[in-house]
C-alpha atoms as a PDB file:
ATOM      1  CA  MET A   1      10.212  -9.135   1.684  1.00  0.00           C
ATOM      2  CA  LYS A   2       7.219 -10.114   3.482  1.00  0.00           C
ATOM      3  CA  LEU A   3       3.788  -7.015   4.340  1.00  0.00           C
ATOM      4  CA  HIS A   4       1.269  -7.243   6.333  1.00  0.00           C
ATOM      5  CA  ILE A   5      -1.662  -6.834   4.086  1.00  0.00           C
ATOM      6  CA  ASN A   6      -5.291  -5.709   4.804  1.00  0.00           C
ATOM      7  CA  GLY A   7      -4.848  -8.462   7.503  1.00  0.00           C
ATOM      8  CA  GLN A   8      -2.774 -11.313   6.034  1.00  0.00           C
ATOM      9  CA  SER A   9       0.657 -11.768   5.009  1.00  0.00           C
ATOM     10  CA  VAL A  10       2.165 -11.177   1.744  1.00  0.00           C
ATOM     11  CA  ASP A  11       5.646 -11.632   0.524  1.00  0.00           C
ATOM     12  CA  ILE A  12       6.558  -8.740  -1.910  1.00  0.00           C
ATOM     13  CA  PRO A  13       9.936  -8.369  -4.207  1.00  0.00           C
ATOM     14  CA  ASP A  14      12.443  -6.409  -2.690  1.00  0.00           C
ATOM     15  CA  SER A  15      12.823  -4.322  -5.311  1.00  0.00           C
ATOM     16  CA  ILE A  16       9.480  -2.676  -4.024  1.00  0.00           C
ATOM     17  CA  ARG A  17      10.580  -0.046  -1.831  1.00  0.00           C
ATOM     18  CA  THR A  18       7.783   2.524  -0.853  1.00  0.00           C
ATOM     19  CA  ILE A  19       4.119   2.788  -0.938  1.00  0.00           C
ATOM     20  CA  GLU A  20       3.811   3.973  -4.732  1.00  0.00           C
ATOM     21  CA  GLU A  21       5.942   0.885  -6.314  1.00  0.00           C
ATOM     22  CA  LEU A  22       3.630  -1.314  -4.171  1.00  0.00           C
ATOM     23  CA  LEU A  23       0.081  -0.285  -5.463  1.00  0.00           C
ATOM     24  CA  LYS A  24       1.292  -0.110  -9.290  1.00  0.00           C
ATOM     25  CA  HIS A  25       2.709  -3.570  -8.267  1.00  0.00           C
ATOM     26  CA  PHE A  26      -0.674  -4.640  -7.680  1.00  0.00           C
ATOM     27  CA  ASP A  27      -2.450  -2.087 -10.667  1.00  0.00           C
ATOM     28  CA  LEU A  28      -3.500   0.196  -7.966  1.00  0.00           C
ATOM     29  CA  SER A  29      -2.004   3.482  -8.628  1.00  0.00           C
ATOM     30  CA  GLU A  30      -4.994   4.655 -10.545  1.00  0.00           C
ATOM     31  CA  LYS A  31      -7.570   3.628  -8.472  1.00  0.00           C
ATOM     32  CA  MET A  32      -8.856   6.024  -6.497  1.00  0.00           C
ATOM     33  CA  LEU A  33      -8.162   4.014  -2.799  1.00  0.00           C
ATOM     34  CA  VAL A  34      -6.908   5.642   1.029  1.00  0.00           C
ATOM     35  CA  VAL A  35      -3.505   3.999   2.526  1.00  0.00           C
ATOM     36  CA  GLU A  36      -2.922   3.903   5.752  1.00  0.00           C
ATOM     37  CA  HIS A  37       0.500   2.850   7.262  1.00  0.00           C
ATOM     38  CA  ASN A  38       1.480   1.112  10.686  1.00  0.00           C
ATOM     39  CA  GLU A  39      -1.811   2.888  11.653  1.00  0.00           C
ATOM     40  CA  ASN A  40      -1.677   6.498   9.749  1.00  0.00           C
ATOM     41  CA  ILE A  41      -3.247   7.268   7.115  1.00  0.00           C
ATOM     42  CA  LEU A  42      -1.525   8.729   4.626  1.00  0.00           C
ATOM     43  CA  GLN A  43      -2.044  11.666   1.595  1.00  0.00           C
ATOM     44  CA  LYS A  44      -1.459  10.527  -1.832  1.00  0.00           C
ATOM     45  CA  GLU A  45       1.196  12.696  -2.129  1.00  0.00           C
ATOM     46  CA  ASP A  46       2.959  11.021   0.252  1.00  0.00           C
ATOM     47  CA  HIS A  47       3.471   7.109  -0.845  1.00  0.00           C
ATOM     48  CA  ALA A  48       5.799   7.982  -2.646  1.00  0.00           C
ATOM     49  CA  LYS A  49       8.041   8.698  -0.029  1.00  0.00           C
ATOM     50  CA  VAL A  50       6.870   6.436   2.675  1.00  0.00           C
ATOM     51  CA  GLU A  51       9.488   3.851   2.641  1.00  0.00           C
ATOM     52  CA  LEU A  52       8.371  -0.271   3.746  1.00  0.00           C
ATOM     53  CA  SER A  53      10.504  -2.540   5.745  1.00  0.00           C
ATOM     54  CA  GLU A  54      10.052  -6.238   6.735  1.00  0.00           C
ATOM     55  CA  GLY A  55       7.019  -6.301   8.960  1.00  0.00           C
ATOM     56  CA  HIS A  56       5.264  -3.107   8.738  1.00  0.00           C
ATOM     57  CA  LYS A  57       1.512  -3.235   8.081  1.00  0.00           C
ATOM     58  CA  ILE A  58      -0.684  -1.795   5.172  1.00  0.00           C
ATOM     59  CA  GLU A  59      -4.544  -0.985   5.189  1.00  0.00           C
ATOM     60  CA  ILE A  60      -5.684  -0.309   1.413  1.00  0.00           C
ATOM     61  CA  VAL A  61      -8.868   0.076   0.798  1.00  0.00           C
ATOM     62  CA  HIS A  62     -10.265   0.992  -2.171  1.00  0.00           C
ATOM     63  CA  PHE A  63     -13.807   2.743  -3.825  1.00  0.00           C
ATOM     64  CA  VAL A  64     -16.365   0.929  -6.769  1.00  0.00           C
ATOM     65  CA  GLY A  65     -18.640   3.418  -7.628  1.00  0.00           C
ATOM     66  CA  GLY A  66     -21.918   2.205  -8.502  1.00  0.00           C
ATOM     67  CA  GLY A  67     -26.010   2.345  -8.051  1.00  0.00           C
END
């Protein structure tokens, strides 16, 4: 399946069906982040509910600590 992730076209396995699974695939599930799905900001509790389809737009912003 082809998604648009952070402005780039990315092929992901068809077995990835939800935002939660996508984050696990990219090893981001434990990071503090914000996910936007088709221009809608998601709450963390919705990551497991939102299903992905061909062509969806995903923006993932994760926070990095530092000083």
